[in-house]
């Protein structure tokens, strides 16, 4: 069973600290000392604020991941209980975005050594000038793969609204529910004494 990060909307205050922690965890440079025009803010989760609910939305690392099934070239794989996107083979077709039931995938420019990667032979018309087109790739939560301490969003949340749900936790909760159901069933089926 795959792991994923779950948000408690009753605890989330919408501060977006999780978004900042995500960007810092995935950035090779320190955003606090980088010039504004050199830093790119692309969190892999998105805090949604609406009437009555505030919570980050991020990848659930689905067991039968619709995004992976929809990817035409196999760029999305399951690695040790985590659904990952290979940025080098992603073609930016957006099929995974459409397939994701949570809206957890976004398209972002690809950067290498702090510079945008451009697509060979593809140009865009900006203000009457043709300029090389940036290569766009799919991006989503990767549970901070390769980052010490696991998902950065969890450790930085000031209200502890985020937690990592892993198979052991799910199995323990299921067992608790089964035991409670059995106790409830036993209580309901007891026949009261009739005095006979």
N, C-alpha and C. Protein backbone atom coordinates (compact mmCIF):
# COMPACT_ATOMS: atom_id res chain seq x y z
N UNK A 1 0.84 -1.17 0.00
CA UNK A 1 0.00 0.00 0.00
C UNK A 1 0.89 1.24 0.00
N UNK A 2 0.48 2.24 -0.74
CA UNK A 2 1.27 3.46 -0.86
C UNK A 2 1.05 4.40 0.31
N UNK A 3 2.08 5.20 0.59
CA UNK A 3 2.01 6.24 1.61
C UNK A 3 1.48 7.52 0.98
N UNK A 4 0.93 8.41 1.81
CA UNK A 4 0.52 9.73 1.32
C UNK A 4 0.38 10.68 2.50
N UNK A 5 0.35 11.97 2.22
CA UNK A 5 0.17 12.99 3.25
C UNK A 5 -1.29 13.38 3.28
N UNK A 6 -1.85 13.41 4.49
CA UNK A 6 -3.26 13.75 4.68
C UNK A 6 -3.36 15.01 5.52
N UNK A 7 -4.24 15.91 5.12
CA UNK A 7 -4.44 17.17 5.86
C UNK A 7 -5.74 17.11 6.64
N UNK A 8 -5.70 17.66 7.84
CA UNK A 8 -6.90 17.80 8.67
C UNK A 8 -7.39 19.23 8.49
N UNK A 9 -8.50 19.44 7.74
CA UNK A 9 -8.97 20.80 7.49
C UNK A 9 -9.40 21.54 8.76
N UNK A 10 -9.71 20.79 9.83
CA UNK A 10 -10.07 21.45 11.09
C UNK A 10 -8.85 22.08 11.76
N UNK A 11 -7.66 21.60 11.43
CA UNK A 11 -6.42 22.13 12.01
C UNK A 11 -5.72 23.13 11.10
N UNK A 12 -5.95 23.04 9.79
CA UNK A 12 -5.27 23.91 8.83
C UNK A 12 -5.76 25.35 8.96
N UNK A 13 -4.81 26.29 9.01
CA UNK A 13 -5.15 27.71 9.11
C UNK A 13 -4.87 28.46 7.80
N UNK A 14 -4.45 27.73 6.78
CA UNK A 14 -4.23 28.34 5.47
C UNK A 14 -3.02 29.24 5.38
N UNK A 15 -2.02 29.01 6.22
CA UNK A 15 -0.85 29.90 6.27
C UNK A 15 0.13 29.68 5.11
N UNK A 16 0.00 28.58 4.42
CA UNK A 16 0.84 28.22 3.27
C UNK A 16 2.29 27.93 3.64
N UNK A 17 2.54 27.66 4.92
CA UNK A 17 3.89 27.26 5.34
C UNK A 17 4.29 25.97 4.66
N UNK A 18 3.33 25.08 4.44
CA UNK A 18 3.62 23.80 3.77
C UNK A 18 4.11 24.03 2.34
N UNK A 19 3.53 25.00 1.64
CA UNK A 19 3.97 25.31 0.28
C UNK A 19 5.41 25.81 0.29
N UNK A 20 5.72 26.69 1.23
CA UNK A 20 7.09 27.22 1.33
C UNK A 20 8.08 26.11 1.66
N UNK A 21 7.70 25.24 2.63
CA UNK A 21 8.57 24.13 3.01
C UNK A 21 8.82 23.21 1.82
N UNK A 22 7.81 22.98 1.01
CA UNK A 22 7.93 22.13 -0.18
C UNK A 22 8.92 22.74 -1.17
N UNK A 23 8.78 24.02 -1.44
CA UNK A 23 9.67 24.69 -2.39
C UNK A 23 11.11 24.65 -1.90
N UNK A 24 11.31 24.94 -0.63
CA UNK A 24 12.66 24.94 -0.07
C UNK A 24 13.27 23.54 -0.14
N UNK A 25 12.47 22.51 0.16
CA UNK A 25 12.98 21.13 0.13
C UNK A 25 13.40 20.70 -1.27
N UNK A 26 12.78 21.26 -2.29
CA UNK A 26 13.07 20.85 -3.67
C UNK A 26 13.94 21.85 -4.42
N UNK A 27 14.42 22.88 -3.74
CA UNK A 27 15.22 23.90 -4.40
C UNK A 27 16.70 23.71 -4.09
N UNK A 28 17.53 23.73 -5.09
CA UNK A 28 18.97 23.61 -4.84
C UNK A 28 19.56 24.88 -4.23
N UNK A 29 18.85 26.01 -4.38
CA UNK A 29 19.34 27.29 -3.88
C UNK A 29 18.52 27.73 -2.68
N UNK A 30 19.09 28.57 -1.86
CA UNK A 30 18.38 29.15 -0.73
C UNK A 30 17.50 30.29 -1.23
N UNK A 31 16.19 30.16 -1.12
CA UNK A 31 15.31 31.21 -1.67
C UNK A 31 15.41 32.53 -0.92
N UNK A 32 15.93 32.50 0.30
CA UNK A 32 16.00 33.72 1.10
C UNK A 32 17.18 34.60 0.72
N UNK A 33 18.14 34.05 -0.02
CA UNK A 33 19.27 34.87 -0.46
C UNK A 33 19.39 34.92 -1.98
N UNK A 34 18.47 34.26 -2.69
CA UNK A 34 18.48 34.28 -4.16
C UNK A 34 17.83 35.56 -4.65
N UNK A 35 18.37 36.15 -5.71
CA UNK A 35 17.69 37.30 -6.32
C UNK A 35 16.29 36.90 -6.78
N UNK A 36 15.34 37.83 -6.68
CA UNK A 36 13.95 37.53 -7.01
C UNK A 36 13.77 36.94 -8.40
N UNK A 37 14.54 37.44 -9.37
CA UNK A 37 14.36 36.96 -10.73
C UNK A 37 15.00 35.60 -10.98
N UNK A 38 15.74 35.08 -10.00
CA UNK A 38 16.38 33.77 -10.17
C UNK A 38 15.68 32.66 -9.40
N UNK A 39 14.74 33.03 -8.53
CA UNK A 39 14.07 32.01 -7.73
C UNK A 39 12.70 31.69 -8.32
N UNK A 40 12.37 30.41 -8.37
CA UNK A 40 11.13 29.96 -8.99
C UNK A 40 10.29 29.24 -7.94
N UNK A 41 9.11 29.76 -7.67
CA UNK A 41 8.23 29.23 -6.61
C UNK A 41 7.21 28.29 -7.23
N UNK A 42 7.49 26.98 -7.15
CA UNK A 42 6.60 25.97 -7.70
C UNK A 42 6.38 24.87 -6.66
N UNK A 43 5.48 25.10 -5.68
CA UNK A 43 5.22 24.05 -4.69
C UNK A 43 4.53 22.85 -5.33
N UNK A 44 4.71 21.68 -4.73
CA UNK A 44 4.12 20.45 -5.25
C UNK A 44 2.82 20.11 -4.54
N UNK A 45 2.30 21.07 -3.79
CA UNK A 45 0.97 20.99 -3.20
C UNK A 45 0.38 22.38 -3.26
N UNK A 46 -0.93 22.47 -3.09
CA UNK A 46 -1.60 23.76 -3.22
C UNK A 46 -2.62 23.91 -2.10
N UNK A 47 -2.49 24.98 -1.31
CA UNK A 47 -3.46 25.26 -0.26
C UNK A 47 -4.70 25.86 -0.91
N UNK A 48 -5.83 25.24 -0.63
CA UNK A 48 -7.11 25.70 -1.16
C UNK A 48 -7.89 26.35 -0.02
N UNK A 49 -8.38 27.55 -0.27
CA UNK A 49 -9.19 28.26 0.72
C UNK A 49 -10.56 28.49 0.10
N UNK A 50 -11.57 27.97 0.77
CA UNK A 50 -12.93 28.19 0.32
C UNK A 50 -13.82 28.34 1.54
N UNK A 51 -15.05 28.63 1.31
CA UNK A 51 -15.97 28.82 2.43
C UNK A 51 -16.05 27.55 3.27
N UNK A 52 -15.66 27.65 4.51
CA UNK A 52 -15.80 26.53 5.43
C UNK A 52 -14.65 25.54 5.46
N UNK A 53 -13.72 25.60 4.50
CA UNK A 53 -12.61 24.64 4.51
C UNK A 53 -11.34 25.28 3.97
N UNK A 54 -10.25 24.97 4.63
CA UNK A 54 -8.91 25.36 4.17
C UNK A 54 -8.01 24.16 4.38
N UNK A 55 -7.36 23.73 3.31
CA UNK A 55 -6.47 22.58 3.41
C UNK A 55 -5.62 22.47 2.15
N UNK A 56 -4.41 21.92 2.31
CA UNK A 56 -3.60 21.68 1.12
C UNK A 56 -4.10 20.46 0.37
N UNK A 57 -4.04 20.54 -0.95
CA UNK A 57 -4.38 19.41 -1.81
C UNK A 57 -3.08 18.93 -2.42
N UNK A 58 -2.84 17.64 -2.30
CA UNK A 58 -1.63 17.08 -2.88
C UNK A 58 -1.88 15.63 -3.28
N UNK A 59 -0.92 15.07 -3.95
CA UNK A 59 -1.03 13.72 -4.49
C UNK A 59 -1.34 12.71 -3.39
N UNK A 60 -2.26 11.79 -3.67
CA UNK A 60 -2.61 10.72 -2.74
C UNK A 60 -1.85 9.44 -3.04
N UNK A 61 -0.99 9.46 -4.04
CA UNK A 61 -0.18 8.29 -4.40
C UNK A 61 -1.07 7.06 -4.53
N UNK A 62 -2.07 7.19 -5.40
CA UNK A 62 -3.10 6.16 -5.59
C UNK A 62 -2.49 4.79 -5.90
N UNK A 63 -3.17 3.76 -5.43
CA UNK A 63 -2.71 2.39 -5.68
C UNK A 63 -2.72 2.08 -7.18
N UNK A 64 -3.82 2.35 -7.82
CA UNK A 64 -3.94 2.14 -9.26
C UNK A 64 -3.94 3.52 -9.91
N UNK A 65 -2.79 4.20 -9.79
CA UNK A 65 -2.67 5.61 -10.14
C UNK A 65 -3.18 5.94 -11.54
N UNK A 66 -4.28 6.72 -11.62
CA UNK A 66 -4.80 7.10 -12.93
C UNK A 66 -3.78 7.87 -13.76
N UNK A 67 -2.95 8.67 -13.10
CA UNK A 67 -1.95 9.45 -13.84
C UNK A 67 -0.94 8.53 -14.51
N UNK A 68 -0.50 7.50 -13.79
CA UNK A 68 0.47 6.57 -14.35
C UNK A 68 -0.15 5.76 -15.48
N UNK A 69 -1.40 5.37 -15.30
CA UNK A 69 -2.09 4.61 -16.35
C UNK A 69 -2.31 5.45 -17.60
N UNK A 70 -2.46 6.77 -17.42
CA UNK A 70 -2.72 7.64 -18.56
C UNK A 70 -1.45 8.11 -19.27
N UNK A 71 -0.31 8.06 -18.60
CA UNK A 71 0.94 8.56 -19.18
C UNK A 71 1.30 7.75 -20.42
N UNK A 72 1.46 8.42 -21.56
CA UNK A 72 1.69 7.68 -22.80
C UNK A 72 3.10 7.09 -22.95
N UNK A 73 4.05 7.54 -22.14
CA UNK A 73 5.42 7.04 -22.32
C UNK A 73 6.04 6.48 -21.04
N UNK A 74 5.21 6.18 -20.03
CA UNK A 74 5.72 5.53 -18.83
C UNK A 74 6.59 6.39 -17.94
N UNK A 75 6.36 7.69 -17.95
CA UNK A 75 7.17 8.59 -17.11
C UNK A 75 6.73 8.61 -15.66
N UNK A 76 5.57 8.02 -15.35
CA UNK A 76 5.07 7.99 -13.98
C UNK A 76 5.09 6.55 -13.49
N UNK A 77 5.81 6.34 -12.38
CA UNK A 77 5.98 4.98 -11.86
C UNK A 77 5.76 4.94 -10.35
N UNK A 78 5.57 3.71 -9.85
CA UNK A 78 5.45 3.48 -8.42
C UNK A 78 6.79 2.96 -7.93
N UNK A 79 7.42 3.72 -7.04
CA UNK A 79 8.72 3.32 -6.48
C UNK A 79 8.61 3.27 -4.97
N UNK A 80 8.60 2.07 -4.43
CA UNK A 80 8.55 1.88 -2.98
C UNK A 80 7.38 2.62 -2.32
N UNK A 81 6.20 2.48 -2.88
CA UNK A 81 5.02 3.08 -2.28
C UNK A 81 4.87 4.56 -2.52
N UNK A 82 5.51 5.07 -3.56
CA UNK A 82 5.45 6.50 -3.88
C UNK A 82 5.33 6.64 -5.40
N UNK A 83 4.35 7.38 -5.86
CA UNK A 83 4.17 7.61 -7.29
C UNK A 83 5.06 8.78 -7.70
N UNK A 84 6.00 8.51 -8.62
CA UNK A 84 7.00 9.51 -9.03
C UNK A 84 6.91 9.83 -10.51
N UNK A 85 7.26 11.07 -10.85
CA UNK A 85 7.31 11.51 -12.24
C UNK A 85 8.78 11.67 -12.63
N UNK A 86 9.17 11.06 -13.73
CA UNK A 86 10.53 11.21 -14.25
C UNK A 86 10.54 12.47 -15.12
N UNK A 87 11.15 13.53 -14.60
CA UNK A 87 11.15 14.82 -15.30
C UNK A 87 11.94 14.78 -16.60
N UNK A 88 12.86 13.84 -16.73
CA UNK A 88 13.67 13.76 -17.95
C UNK A 88 12.90 13.14 -19.11
N UNK A 89 11.94 12.26 -18.82
CA UNK A 89 11.20 11.62 -19.90
C UNK A 89 9.79 12.19 -20.07
N UNK A 90 9.34 13.03 -19.13
CA UNK A 90 8.01 13.65 -19.24
C UNK A 90 7.99 14.52 -20.49
N UNK A 91 6.92 14.40 -21.27
CA UNK A 91 6.80 15.18 -22.50
C UNK A 91 5.83 16.36 -22.35
N UNK A 92 5.28 16.54 -21.15
CA UNK A 92 4.41 17.69 -20.89
C UNK A 92 3.09 17.63 -21.61
N UNK A 93 2.57 16.44 -21.83
CA UNK A 93 1.33 16.29 -22.61
C UNK A 93 0.07 16.63 -21.82
N UNK A 94 0.17 16.72 -20.50
CA UNK A 94 -0.92 17.07 -19.60
C UNK A 94 -1.96 15.98 -19.41
N UNK A 95 -1.73 14.80 -19.95
CA UNK A 95 -2.67 13.70 -19.79
C UNK A 95 -2.81 13.32 -18.33
N UNK A 96 -1.72 13.34 -17.58
CA UNK A 96 -1.77 13.01 -16.15
C UNK A 96 -2.60 14.03 -15.38
N UNK A 97 -2.51 15.30 -15.76
CA UNK A 97 -3.30 16.35 -15.10
C UNK A 97 -4.79 16.07 -15.25
N UNK A 98 -5.16 15.68 -16.44
CA UNK A 98 -6.57 15.41 -16.72
C UNK A 98 -7.03 14.17 -15.97
N UNK A 99 -6.17 13.17 -15.87
CA UNK A 99 -6.54 11.90 -15.24
C UNK A 99 -6.59 11.98 -13.72
N UNK A 100 -5.85 12.89 -13.11
CA UNK A 100 -5.78 12.96 -11.64
C UNK A 100 -7.11 13.39 -11.04
N UNK A 101 -7.71 12.56 -10.18
CA UNK A 101 -9.01 12.92 -9.60
C UNK A 101 -8.92 14.01 -8.54
N UNK A 102 -7.73 14.34 -8.07
CA UNK A 102 -7.56 15.34 -7.02
C UNK A 102 -7.05 16.68 -7.53
N UNK A 103 -6.67 16.75 -8.79
CA UNK A 103 -6.11 17.98 -9.32
C UNK A 103 -4.76 18.28 -8.71
N UNK A 104 -4.00 17.23 -8.41
CA UNK A 104 -2.74 17.38 -7.67
C UNK A 104 -1.52 17.55 -8.57
N UNK A 105 -1.72 17.55 -9.88
CA UNK A 105 -0.58 17.65 -10.81
C UNK A 105 -0.65 19.00 -11.52
N UNK A 106 0.48 19.67 -11.58
CA UNK A 106 0.56 20.95 -12.31
C UNK A 106 1.70 20.86 -13.32
N UNK A 107 1.70 21.78 -14.25
CA UNK A 107 2.77 21.87 -15.22
C UNK A 107 3.67 23.04 -14.82
N UNK A 108 4.98 22.78 -14.80
CA UNK A 108 5.95 23.80 -14.41
C UNK A 108 7.10 23.79 -15.41
N UNK A 109 7.79 24.92 -15.55
CA UNK A 109 8.97 24.92 -16.43
C UNK A 109 10.07 24.05 -15.82
N UNK A 110 10.79 23.35 -16.67
CA UNK A 110 11.91 22.55 -16.20
C UNK A 110 13.16 23.42 -16.14
N UNK A 111 13.90 23.27 -15.03
CA UNK A 111 15.14 24.02 -14.85
C UNK A 111 16.29 23.05 -14.67
N UNK A 112 17.44 23.44 -15.18
CA UNK A 112 18.66 22.67 -14.98
C UNK A 112 19.78 23.66 -14.69
N UNK A 113 20.44 23.49 -13.56
CA UNK A 113 21.49 24.40 -13.12
C UNK A 113 20.98 25.85 -13.04
N UNK A 114 19.73 26.00 -12.58
CA UNK A 114 19.16 27.33 -12.40
C UNK A 114 18.66 28.00 -13.66
N UNK A 115 18.80 27.33 -14.81
CA UNK A 115 18.38 27.91 -16.08
C UNK A 115 17.21 27.12 -16.66
N UNK A 116 16.26 27.82 -17.30
CA UNK A 116 15.15 27.08 -17.90
C UNK A 116 15.65 26.23 -19.07
N UNK A 117 15.11 25.04 -19.16
CA UNK A 117 15.41 24.16 -20.29
C UNK A 117 14.48 24.55 -21.42
N UNK A 118 15.04 24.75 -22.61
CA UNK A 118 14.20 25.13 -23.76
C UNK A 118 14.03 23.93 -24.69
N UNK A 119 12.93 23.95 -25.41
CA UNK A 119 12.64 22.88 -26.35
C UNK A 119 13.29 23.20 -27.68
N UNK A 120 13.99 22.24 -28.23
CA UNK A 120 14.64 22.43 -29.52
C UNK A 120 13.60 22.64 -30.61
N UNK A 121 13.75 23.72 -31.35
CA UNK A 121 12.91 23.97 -32.51
C UNK A 121 11.52 24.51 -32.19
N UNK A 122 11.18 24.73 -30.93
CA UNK A 122 9.86 25.25 -30.59
C UNK A 122 10.01 26.66 -30.04
N UNK A 123 9.26 27.59 -30.65
CA UNK A 123 9.35 28.99 -30.26
C UNK A 123 7.97 29.51 -29.88
N UNK A 124 7.99 30.59 -29.12
CA UNK A 124 6.75 31.26 -28.74
C UNK A 124 6.85 32.73 -29.13
N UNK A 125 5.74 33.33 -29.47
CA UNK A 125 5.71 34.71 -29.89
C UNK A 125 5.38 35.58 -28.68
N UNK A 126 6.38 36.28 -28.18
CA UNK A 126 6.19 37.18 -27.05
C UNK A 126 6.42 38.61 -27.51
N UNK A 127 5.38 39.41 -27.50
CA UNK A 127 5.45 40.82 -27.90
C UNK A 127 6.06 41.00 -29.28
N UNK A 128 5.68 40.14 -30.22
CA UNK A 128 6.15 40.27 -31.59
C UNK A 128 7.52 39.68 -31.85
N UNK A 129 8.12 39.04 -30.85
CA UNK A 129 9.44 38.44 -31.03
C UNK A 129 9.35 36.95 -30.77
N UNK A 130 9.98 36.17 -31.61
CA UNK A 130 10.04 34.73 -31.38
C UNK A 130 11.14 34.43 -30.36
N UNK A 131 10.77 33.68 -29.33
CA UNK A 131 11.72 33.28 -28.31
C UNK A 131 11.61 31.78 -28.10
N UNK A 132 12.71 31.12 -27.73
CA UNK A 132 12.64 29.68 -27.47
C UNK A 132 11.61 29.38 -26.38
N UNK A 133 10.86 28.32 -26.57
CA UNK A 133 9.82 27.91 -25.62
C UNK A 133 10.41 27.07 -24.52
N UNK A 134 10.05 27.41 -23.25
CA UNK A 134 10.50 26.62 -22.11
C UNK A 134 9.86 25.24 -22.15
N UNK A 135 10.62 24.26 -21.72
CA UNK A 135 10.11 22.89 -21.64
C UNK A 135 9.27 22.77 -20.38
N UNK A 136 8.00 22.39 -20.54
CA UNK A 136 7.08 22.24 -19.42
C UNK A 136 6.98 20.75 -19.06
N UNK A 137 6.98 20.48 -17.74
CA UNK A 137 6.89 19.11 -17.26
C UNK A 137 5.86 19.02 -16.14
N UNK A 138 5.36 17.81 -15.91
CA UNK A 138 4.40 17.57 -14.84
C UNK A 138 5.13 17.59 -13.50
N UNK A 139 4.44 18.11 -12.49
CA UNK A 139 5.02 18.20 -11.15
C UNK A 139 3.94 17.88 -10.12
N UNK A 140 4.33 17.11 -9.09
CA UNK A 140 3.41 16.77 -8.01
C UNK A 140 4.21 16.33 -6.80
N UNK A 141 3.53 16.09 -5.70
CA UNK A 141 4.19 15.64 -4.47
C UNK A 141 4.93 14.34 -4.72
N UNK A 142 6.18 14.30 -4.24
CA UNK A 142 6.97 13.07 -4.33
C UNK A 142 7.37 12.59 -2.94
N UNK A 143 6.62 13.06 -1.93
CA UNK A 143 6.90 12.73 -0.53
C UNK A 143 8.34 13.09 -0.15
N UNK A 144 8.86 14.13 -0.79
CA UNK A 144 10.23 14.61 -0.55
C UNK A 144 11.25 13.49 -0.70
N UNK A 145 11.10 12.76 -1.77
CA UNK A 145 12.03 11.68 -2.11
C UNK A 145 13.46 12.20 -2.08
N UNK A 146 14.29 11.58 -1.27
CA UNK A 146 15.69 11.97 -1.16
C UNK A 146 15.97 13.12 -0.21
N UNK A 147 14.94 13.66 0.43
CA UNK A 147 15.12 14.75 1.38
C UNK A 147 15.14 14.16 2.79
N UNK A 148 16.15 14.51 3.56
CA UNK A 148 16.24 14.00 4.94
C UNK A 148 15.02 14.44 5.75
N UNK A 149 14.48 13.52 6.53
CA UNK A 149 13.36 13.85 7.40
C UNK A 149 12.00 13.65 6.78
N UNK A 150 11.94 13.15 5.55
CA UNK A 150 10.65 12.86 4.93
C UNK A 150 9.95 14.11 4.44
N UNK A 151 8.64 14.05 4.27
CA UNK A 151 7.92 15.20 3.72
C UNK A 151 8.12 16.47 4.56
N UNK A 152 8.69 17.49 3.93
CA UNK A 152 9.00 18.74 4.62
C UNK A 152 7.75 19.46 5.10
N UNK A 153 6.66 19.31 4.38
CA UNK A 153 5.42 20.01 4.74
C UNK A 153 4.93 19.58 6.12
N UNK A 154 5.09 18.31 6.45
CA UNK A 154 4.60 17.80 7.74
C UNK A 154 5.36 18.44 8.90
N UNK A 155 6.67 18.45 8.80
CA UNK A 155 7.49 18.96 9.89
C UNK A 155 7.38 20.46 10.09
N UNK A 156 6.99 21.19 9.07
CA UNK A 156 6.93 22.65 9.17
C UNK A 156 5.54 23.20 9.46
N UNK A 157 4.52 22.37 9.42
CA UNK A 157 3.15 22.85 9.66
C UNK A 157 3.02 23.31 11.11
N UNK A 158 2.67 24.59 11.34
CA UNK A 158 2.62 25.10 12.72
C UNK A 158 1.48 24.54 13.55
N UNK A 159 0.47 23.97 12.91
CA UNK A 159 -0.68 23.43 13.66
C UNK A 159 -0.75 21.91 13.63
N UNK A 160 0.28 21.27 13.08
CA UNK A 160 0.31 19.81 12.95
C UNK A 160 -0.93 19.28 12.20
N UNK A 161 -1.33 20.00 11.16
CA UNK A 161 -2.50 19.61 10.38
C UNK A 161 -2.20 18.50 9.38
N UNK A 162 -0.92 18.24 9.15
CA UNK A 162 -0.52 17.25 8.16
C UNK A 162 0.09 16.03 8.83
N UNK A 163 -0.22 14.86 8.27
CA UNK A 163 0.43 13.64 8.78
C UNK A 163 0.64 12.68 7.63
N UNK A 164 1.68 11.87 7.79
CA UNK A 164 1.99 10.85 6.80
C UNK A 164 1.17 9.61 7.12
N UNK A 165 0.38 9.19 6.17
CA UNK A 165 -0.42 7.98 6.33
C UNK A 165 0.34 6.86 5.64
N UNK A 166 0.75 5.88 6.42
CA UNK A 166 1.48 4.75 5.84
C UNK A 166 0.67 3.47 6.04
N UNK A 167 1.06 2.39 5.37
CA UNK A 167 0.28 1.15 5.44
C UNK A 167 0.07 0.64 6.87
N UNK A 168 1.09 0.74 7.73
CA UNK A 168 0.94 0.26 9.11
C UNK A 168 -0.17 1.01 9.84
N UNK A 169 -0.23 2.34 9.65
CA UNK A 169 -1.26 3.15 10.29
C UNK A 169 -2.64 2.76 9.77
N UNK A 170 -2.74 2.58 8.47
CA UNK A 170 -4.04 2.21 7.88
C UNK A 170 -4.49 0.85 8.41
N UNK A 171 -3.59 -0.11 8.43
CA UNK A 171 -3.96 -1.45 8.92
C UNK A 171 -4.36 -1.40 10.39
N UNK A 172 -3.67 -0.62 11.21
CA UNK A 172 -4.02 -0.50 12.63
C UNK A 172 -5.40 0.11 12.80
N UNK A 173 -5.71 1.14 12.01
CA UNK A 173 -7.03 1.78 12.10
C UNK A 173 -8.13 0.83 11.64
N UNK A 174 -7.87 0.06 10.59
CA UNK A 174 -8.86 -0.91 10.11
C UNK A 174 -9.12 -1.96 11.19
N UNK A 175 -8.07 -2.44 11.83
CA UNK A 175 -8.24 -3.43 12.91
C UNK A 175 -9.04 -2.86 14.06
N UNK A 176 -8.78 -1.59 14.41
CA UNK A 176 -9.54 -0.93 15.47
C UNK A 176 -11.02 -0.86 15.10
N UNK A 177 -11.31 -0.50 13.87
CA UNK A 177 -12.70 -0.40 13.42
C UNK A 177 -13.38 -1.76 13.41
N UNK A 178 -12.67 -2.78 12.99
CA UNK A 178 -13.24 -4.13 12.99
C UNK A 178 -13.57 -4.59 14.41
N UNK A 179 -12.66 -4.34 15.34
CA UNK A 179 -12.89 -4.73 16.73
C UNK A 179 -14.08 -3.97 17.31
N UNK A 180 -14.17 -2.67 17.01
CA UNK A 180 -15.31 -1.88 17.50
C UNK A 180 -16.62 -2.38 16.91
N UNK A 181 -16.60 -2.74 15.63
CA UNK A 181 -17.80 -3.26 14.98
C UNK A 181 -18.22 -4.59 15.60
N UNK A 182 -17.25 -5.44 15.89
CA UNK A 182 -17.56 -6.74 16.51
C UNK A 182 -18.15 -6.54 17.89
N UNK A 183 -17.59 -5.60 18.67
CA UNK A 183 -18.15 -5.33 20.00
C UNK A 183 -19.57 -4.79 19.90
N UNK A 184 -19.79 -3.90 18.93
CA UNK A 184 -21.12 -3.31 18.71
C UNK A 184 -22.11 -4.41 18.32
N UNK A 185 -21.70 -5.30 17.44
CA UNK A 185 -22.56 -6.39 16.99
C UNK A 185 -22.89 -7.32 18.16
N UNK A 186 -21.92 -7.62 18.97
CA UNK A 186 -22.14 -8.48 20.13
C UNK A 186 -23.12 -7.83 21.09
N UNK A 187 -22.98 -6.54 21.31
CA UNK A 187 -23.87 -5.81 22.21
C UNK A 187 -25.30 -5.79 21.66
N UNK A 188 -25.45 -5.64 20.34
CA UNK A 188 -26.78 -5.56 19.73
C UNK A 188 -27.49 -6.91 19.69
N UNK A 189 -26.75 -8.01 19.65
CA UNK A 189 -27.38 -9.31 19.49
C UNK A 189 -27.67 -10.01 20.81
N UNK A 190 -27.27 -9.44 21.92
CA UNK A 190 -27.58 -10.06 23.21
C UNK A 190 -29.08 -10.03 23.44
N UNK A 191 -29.62 -11.19 23.81
CA UNK A 191 -31.07 -11.29 24.06
C UNK A 191 -31.31 -11.07 25.55
N UNK A 192 -32.15 -10.12 25.88
CA UNK A 192 -32.40 -9.88 27.30
C UNK A 192 -33.13 -11.08 27.95
N UNK A 193 -32.85 -11.32 29.22
CA UNK A 193 -33.51 -12.42 29.93
C UNK A 193 -35.01 -12.14 30.05
N UNK A 194 -35.82 -13.17 29.84
CA UNK A 194 -37.29 -13.01 29.88
C UNK A 194 -37.90 -13.54 31.16
N UNK A 195 -37.10 -14.12 32.02
CA UNK A 195 -37.61 -14.64 33.28
C UNK A 195 -38.18 -16.04 33.18
N UNK A 196 -38.02 -16.68 32.03
CA UNK A 196 -38.53 -18.06 31.87
C UNK A 196 -37.61 -19.06 32.48
